[in-house]
Amino acid sequence: MRYIRSTFVPDESKCMCLFEAPNAGHVKELKESAKLPFSRIVEAMDLTP
């Protein structure tokens, strides 16, 4: 698993963290073991050419 970056949206007080991982379950395990709060984890696709 690899941390890529975070994006903060001030108007919504939201922070989105991007990880490269085999699946969302791995990210969830990492966040829980590190006791980092999160509201949800979703899979995404990189569309960068």
PDB file of N, CA and C in Angstrom:
ATOM      1  N   MET A   1       0.843  -1.165   0.000  1.00  0.00           N
ATOM      2  CA  MET A   1       0.000   0.000   0.000  1.00  0.00           C
ATOM      3  C   MET A   1       0.889   1.229   0.000  1.00  0.00           C
ATOM      4  N   ARG A   2       0.413   2.282  -0.670  1.00  0.00           N
ATOM      5  CA  ARG A   2       1.192   3.522  -0.779  1.00  0.00           C
ATOM      6  C   ARG A   2       0.273   4.724  -0.635  1.00  0.00           C
ATOM      7  N   TYR A   3       0.666   5.651   0.241  1.00  0.00           N
ATOM      8  CA  TYR A   3      -0.042   6.925   0.375  1.00  0.00           C
ATOM      9  C   TYR A   3       0.372   7.801  -0.796  1.00  0.00           C
ATOM     10  N   ILE A   4      -0.588   8.427  -1.477  1.00  0.00           N
ATOM     11  CA  ILE A   4      -0.281   9.270  -2.626  1.00  0.00           C
ATOM     12  C   ILE A   4      -0.405  10.748  -2.282  1.00  0.00           C
ATOM     13  N   ARG A   5      -1.564  11.167  -1.787  1.00  0.00           N
ATOM     14  CA  ARG A   5      -1.745  12.578  -1.431  1.00  0.00           C
ATOM     15  C   ARG A   5      -3.076  12.777  -0.703  1.00  0.00           C
ATOM     16  N   SER A   6      -3.246  13.981  -0.173  1.00  0.00           N
ATOM     17  CA  SER A   6      -4.504  14.376   0.456  1.00  0.00           C
ATOM     18  C   SER A   6      -4.967  15.681  -0.173  1.00  0.00           C
ATOM     19  N   THR A   7      -6.286  15.848  -0.254  1.00  0.00           N
ATOM     20  CA  THR A   7      -6.884  17.078  -0.759  1.00  0.00           C
ATOM     21  C   THR A   7      -7.897  17.552   0.264  1.00  0.00           C
ATOM     22  N   PHE A   8      -7.768  18.809   0.688  1.00  0.00           N
ATOM     23  CA  PHE A   8      -8.701  19.385   1.655  1.00  0.00           C
ATOM     24  C   PHE A   8      -9.627  20.350   0.925  1.00  0.00           C
ATOM     25  N   VAL A   9     -10.929  20.221   1.206  1.00  0.00           N
ATOM     26  CA  VAL A   9     -11.943  21.104   0.619  1.00  0.00           C
ATOM     27  C   VAL A   9     -12.475  21.980   1.756  1.00  0.00           C
ATOM     28  N   PRO A  10     -11.926  23.196   1.897  1.00  0.00           N
ATOM     29  CA  PRO A  10     -12.277  24.042   3.043  1.00  0.00           C
ATOM     30  C   PRO A  10     -13.762  24.375   3.162  1.00  0.00           C
ATOM     31  N   ASP A  11     -14.432  24.638   2.032  1.00  0.00           N
ATOM     32  CA  ASP A  11     -15.849  25.014   2.099  1.00  0.00           C
ATOM     33  C   ASP A  11     -16.723  23.904   2.668  1.00  0.00           C
ATOM     34  N   GLU A  12     -16.256  22.661   2.581  1.00  0.00           N
ATOM     35  CA  GLU A  12     -17.032  21.526   3.109  1.00  0.00           C
ATOM     36  C   GLU A  12     -16.373  20.890   4.325  1.00  0.00           C
ATOM     37  N   SER A  13     -15.234  21.424   4.743  1.00  0.00           N
ATOM     38  CA  SER A  13     -14.456  20.852   5.855  1.00  0.00           C
ATOM     39  C   SER A  13     -14.229  19.361   5.656  1.00  0.00           C
ATOM     40  N   LYS A  14     -13.856  18.991   4.431  1.00  0.00           N
ATOM     41  CA  LYS A  14     -13.619  17.587   4.083  1.00  0.00           C
ATOM     42  C   LYS A  14     -12.179  17.402   3.629  1.00  0.00           C
ATOM     43  N   CYS A  15     -11.617  16.263   3.986  1.00  0.00           N
ATOM     44  CA  CYS A  15     -10.278  15.898   3.542  1.00  0.00           C
ATOM     45  C   CYS A  15     -10.371  14.532   2.874  1.00  0.00           C
ATOM     46  N   MET A  16      -9.819  14.434   1.666  1.00  0.00           N
ATOM     47  CA  MET A  16      -9.819  13.168   0.927  1.00  0.00           C
ATOM     48  C   MET A  16      -8.374  12.692   0.802  1.00  0.00           C
ATOM     49  N   CYS A  17      -8.114  11.474   1.222  1.00  0.00           N
ATOM     50  CA  CYS A  17      -6.773  10.902   1.161  1.00  0.00           C
ATOM     51  C   CYS A  17      -6.759   9.820   0.085  1.00  0.00           C
ATOM     52  N   LEU A  18      -5.734   9.840  -0.748  1.00  0.00           N
ATOM     53  CA  LEU A  18      -5.626   8.900  -1.851  1.00  0.00           C
ATOM     54  C   LEU A  18      -4.507   7.907  -1.556  1.00  0.00           C
ATOM     55  N   PHE A  19      -4.845   6.624  -1.623  1.00  0.00           N
ATOM     56  CA  PHE A  19      -3.891   5.548  -1.404  1.00  0.00           C
ATOM     57  C   PHE A  19      -3.891   4.626  -2.614  1.00  0.00           C
ATOM     58  N   GLU A  20      -2.771   3.995  -2.863  1.00  0.00           N
ATOM     59  CA  GLU A  20      -2.707   2.909  -3.837  1.00  0.00           C
ATOM     60  C   GLU A  20      -2.637   1.623  -3.024  1.00  0.00           C
ATOM     61  N   ALA A  21      -3.606   0.739  -3.226  1.00  0.00           N
ATOM     62  CA  ALA A  21      -3.676  -0.489  -2.442  1.00  0.00           C
ATOM     63  C   ALA A  21      -4.379  -1.572  -3.256  1.00  0.00           C
ATOM     64  N   PRO A  22      -4.197  -2.837  -2.889  1.00  0.00           N
ATOM     65  CA  PRO A  22      -4.867  -3.920  -3.618  1.00  0.00           C
ATOM     66  C   PRO A  22      -6.394  -3.804  -3.587  1.00  0.00           C
ATOM     67  N   ASN A  23      -6.934  -3.287  -2.467  1.00  0.00           N
ATOM     68  CA  ASN A  23      -8.380  -3.111  -2.354  1.00  0.00           C
ATOM     69  C   ASN A  23      -8.698  -2.199  -1.176  1.00  0.00           C
ATOM     70  N   ALA A  24      -9.958  -1.807  -1.066  1.00  0.00           N
ATOM     71  CA  ALA A  24     -10.386  -0.876  -0.012  1.00  0.00           C
ATOM     72  C   ALA A  24     -10.207  -1.477   1.382  1.00  0.00           C
ATOM     73  N   GLY A  25     -10.303  -2.781   1.502  1.00  0.00           N
ATOM     74  CA  GLY A  25     -10.139  -3.436   2.799  1.00  0.00           C
ATOM     75  C   GLY A  25      -8.771  -3.193   3.407  1.00  0.00           C
ATOM     76  N   HIS A  26      -7.742  -3.160   2.581  1.00  0.00           N
ATOM     77  CA  HIS A  26      -6.396  -2.895   3.085  1.00  0.00           C
ATOM     78  C   HIS A  26      -6.299  -1.481   3.661  1.00  0.00           C
ATOM     79  N   VAL A  27      -6.910  -0.529   2.992  1.00  0.00           N
ATOM     80  CA  VAL A  27      -6.882   0.854   3.476  1.00  0.00           C
ATOM     81  C   VAL A  27      -7.650   0.947   4.793  1.00  0.00           C
ATOM     82  N   LYS A  28      -8.777   0.277   4.872  1.00  0.00           N
ATOM     83  CA  LYS A  28      -9.573   0.287   6.106  1.00  0.00           C
ATOM     84  C   LYS A  28      -8.771  -0.287   7.276  1.00  0.00           C
ATOM     85  N   GLU A  29      -8.092  -1.398   7.057  1.00  0.00           N
ATOM     86  CA  GLU A  29      -7.272  -2.002   8.116  1.00  0.00           C
ATOM     87  C   GLU A  29      -6.178  -1.043   8.579  1.00  0.00           C
ATOM     88  N   LEU A  30      -5.524  -0.377   7.628  1.00  0.00           N
ATOM     89  CA  LEU A  30      -4.473   0.576   7.976  1.00  0.00           C
ATOM     90  C   LEU A  30      -5.029   1.723   8.809  1.00  0.00           C
ATOM     91  N   LYS A  31      -6.123   2.317   8.352  1.00  0.00           N
ATOM     92  CA  LYS A  31      -6.720   3.458   9.064  1.00  0.00           C
ATOM     93  C   LYS A  31      -7.153   3.053  10.472  1.00  0.00           C
ATOM     94  N   GLU A  32      -7.750   1.874  10.608  1.00  0.00           N
ATOM     95  CA  GLU A  32      -8.198   1.422  11.932  1.00  0.00           C
ATOM     96  C   GLU A  32      -7.015   1.121  12.849  1.00  0.00           C
ATOM     97  N   SER A  33      -5.983   0.456  12.335  1.00  0.00           N
ATOM     98  CA  SER A  33      -4.836   0.118  13.183  1.00  0.00           C
ATOM     99  C   SER A  33      -4.063   1.366  13.603  1.00  0.00           C
ATOM    100  N   ALA A  34      -4.053   2.396  12.752  1.00  0.00           N
ATOM    101  CA  ALA A  34      -3.384   3.651  13.095  1.00  0.00           C
ATOM    102  C   ALA A  34      -4.294   4.587  13.895  1.00  0.00           C
ATOM    103  N   LYS A  35      -5.547   4.169  14.105  1.00  0.00           N
ATOM    104  CA  LYS A  35      -6.543   4.968  14.826  1.00  0.00           C
ATOM    105  C   LYS A  35      -6.760   6.333  14.174  1.00  0.00           C
ATOM    106  N   LEU A  36      -6.786   6.322  12.833  1.00  0.00           N
ATOM    107  CA  LEU A  36      -7.066   7.535  12.066  1.00  0.00           C
ATOM    108  C   LEU A  36      -8.541   7.555  11.704  1.00  0.00           C
ATOM    109  N   PRO A  37      -9.237   8.639  12.006  1.00  0.00           N
ATOM    110  CA  PRO A  37     -10.678   8.682  11.731  1.00  0.00           C
ATOM    111  C   PRO A  37     -10.969   8.732  10.225  1.00  0.00           C
ATOM    112  N   PHE A  38     -12.076   8.106   9.850  1.00  0.00           N
ATOM    113  CA  PHE A  38     -12.551   8.169   8.473  1.00  0.00           C
ATOM    114  C   PHE A  38     -14.049   7.931   8.476  1.00  0.00           C
ATOM    115  N   SER A  39     -14.726   8.484   7.478  1.00  0.00           N
ATOM    116  CA  SER A  39     -16.170   8.282   7.403  1.00  0.00           C
ATOM    117  C   SER A  39     -16.522   7.211   6.374  1.00  0.00           C
ATOM    118  N   ARG A  40     -15.690   7.080   5.338  1.00  0.00           N
ATOM    119  CA  ARG A  40     -15.929   6.019   4.356  1.00  0.00           C
ATOM    120  C   ARG A  40     -14.681   5.823   3.514  1.00  0.00           C
ATOM    121  N   ILE A  41     -14.619   4.663   2.894  1.00  0.00           N
ATOM    122  CA  ILE A  41     -13.524   4.313   1.989  1.00  0.00           C
ATOM    123  C   ILE A  41     -14.164   3.798   0.716  1.00  0.00           C
ATOM    124  N   VAL A  42     -13.774   4.388  -0.403  1.00  0.00           N
ATOM    125  CA  VAL A  42     -14.328   3.959  -1.694  1.00  0.00           C
ATOM    126  C   VAL A  42     -13.187   3.710  -2.675  1.00  0.00           C
ATOM    127  N   GLU A  43     -13.395   2.768  -3.579  1.00  0.00           N
ATOM    128  CA  GLU A  43     -12.417   2.505  -4.610  1.00  0.00           C
ATOM    129  C   GLU A  43     -12.579   3.538  -5.717  1.00  0.00           C
ATOM    130  N   ALA A  44     -11.467   3.927  -6.330  1.00  0.00           N
ATOM    131  CA  ALA A  44     -11.464   4.917  -7.391  1.00  0.00           C
ATOM    132  C   ALA A  44     -10.530   4.455  -8.498  1.00  0.00           C
ATOM    133  N   MET A  45     -10.678   5.055  -9.672  1.00  0.00           N
ATOM    134  CA  MET A  45      -9.822   4.738 -10.802  1.00  0.00           C
ATOM    135  C   MET A  45      -9.043   5.984 -11.191  1.00  0.00           C
ATOM    136  N   ASP A  46      -7.753   5.828 -11.489  1.00  0.00           N
ATOM    137  CA  ASP A  46      -6.927   6.941 -11.956  1.00  0.00           C
ATOM    138  C   ASP A  46      -7.113   7.070 -13.461  1.00  0.00           C
ATOM    139  N   LEU A  47      -7.565   8.223 -13.913  1.00  0.00           N
ATOM    140  CA  LEU A  47      -7.828   8.454 -15.326  1.00  0.00           C
ATOM    141  C   LEU A  47      -6.756   9.351 -15.961  1.00  0.00           C
ATOM    142  N   THR A  48      -5.622   9.523 -15.268  1.00  0.00           N
ATOM    143  CA  THR A  48      -4.546  10.341 -15.807  1.00  0.00           C
ATOM    144  C   THR A  48      -3.952   9.664 -17.052  1.00  0.00           C
ATOM    145  N   PRO A  49      -3.830  10.416 -18.146  1.00  0.00           N
ATOM    146  CA  PRO A  49      -3.280   9.793 -19.371  1.00  0.00           C
ATOM    147  C   PRO A  49      -1.805   9.457 -19.233  1.00  0.00           C
TER     148      PRO A  49
END
